[in-house]
Amino acid sequence: MEQTRRNLVKLLSLGAFFPKQTVGAFNSILESLSPDSGQFLSTETIMNLPNDKIEALYKKAMVIDGLIIPKGWNEDSFKALAKTGYSGFSTSLLSGSLKLALKNIAEWDARIKNNSDVLIKATTANDFIRAKKENKTAVLYGFQNATMMEKSIKNLDTLYDAGTRWIQLTYNQRNLLGDGSTERTDCGLSDFGIEAVERMNELGIMIDLSHCGRETTNDGIKFSKSGACFNHTMCETLYKNHPRAKTDQQIKAMADKGGIMGVICLGYMIGPELGTKTTIETYVDHIDHAVKIAGIDHVGVAADFAIQGLQATGATKENWYVPRLTRFKPSYKVQWPPWIPELDKPDRYLQVAKILDKRGYSTGDIEKILGLNWLRYFKETLK
């Protein structure tokens, strides 16, 4: 992929640790959010950065994961977190009911309070900046379904007050807001769904369309005043006829309104021939294509599994694959094993950064994909 050096002049480099120069758009972000921002990677340093220094660059980058599944969070999760280099991640909480959602939020509040030397509860972009400066990890609360709203728009206010900052409008099935990606029908947002989108915009809750059906996705982009996001998805052009993939038209429409697409790391979502033709290179192919359609400022990364990886959490064919054959429709094309080895471990995005570097991405653009694009989106969307 051909890259130009002019992006270096305006790159979003989180350099609080490189030589004393303040450059690029990220400096502007820091100045608007945190006046005592610090020091940044100079343009001269970036221009002369050898390829073998990508690990050093990664350690200094803002790394944000668009979706971590925190079920069963334990000491192993904390050990894995220490190896990730993450500045923050969006966490998927329980959405079965309002009561269950608030209980899960309270549990995470307690976890963060009891581990305040490691974790920060994130409600604004500035919390991610603070987490990076303090060598901690910011946690952004959200839900992969809107079912915890139950039948009341007012419950969005309750969830927002508790710390919710992103909501996926539907999961795979239909709910009161709209149709999911594997629902038989494809009818778009309901009146209730449009009302929910409007209130989420007013509050400053990110609108996620990852699992939404085609027309619900289109409506979510259309009716949201702020940019909607695809928290964790892939490109339909590269993986044809998968219900979870987004079309080029949807990716472009999302980006045109300021949104962001997190490319999912879950291997069986990336291609049909996992383990042979579908590899980490295929994963970066999805990043390449998303950048081509959306532009470099609108693409990020997202795992969609536990922070330590699926294999490390004990996923087996019996307890992971077999249950999904009944939970998901055949169109989901669930495979075993479901992971790409290089992505199924804590340093997954370091491996991605190395490939991006080999493919000719500038260091500034690599940093955008690793996390600065998410930071930009948080700044524009969260209140």
Foldseek 3Di string as FASTA:
>chain_A
DDDDLVVLQAFLFQALPDDADDGHVVSVVCCVQPVPRHGHDDSVCQVPPDLVCLVVSLLRFAFEALEEECPPPDPVLVVQQLVQSHLEYEYAADQQALVRRLVRLVVVVVVCVVPVLAEDEDQFLVSSSVSSVSVHYYYQYEHAENCRCPQHLVVVVVVVVSGHAEYEHHAQADDQFAGWLPYPDHDAGDPSNLVSLVVSQVQQHAYEHQGHHPRNLVVSLVSHQAQHEPSEAFACVQEPQQSRHDYLVSLQSSLVRPAAYAYEQFQVRQYLDPPPPGAVVSSVVRVVVSCVRRNLLHYAHHYNYHLAFDVVVPDDCVPPVVVVPVVDDCSNNQDPPGGHVCCRGSHNLSVVLSVCVVVPDRSSSSSSHSHVSVSVSSNRRGD
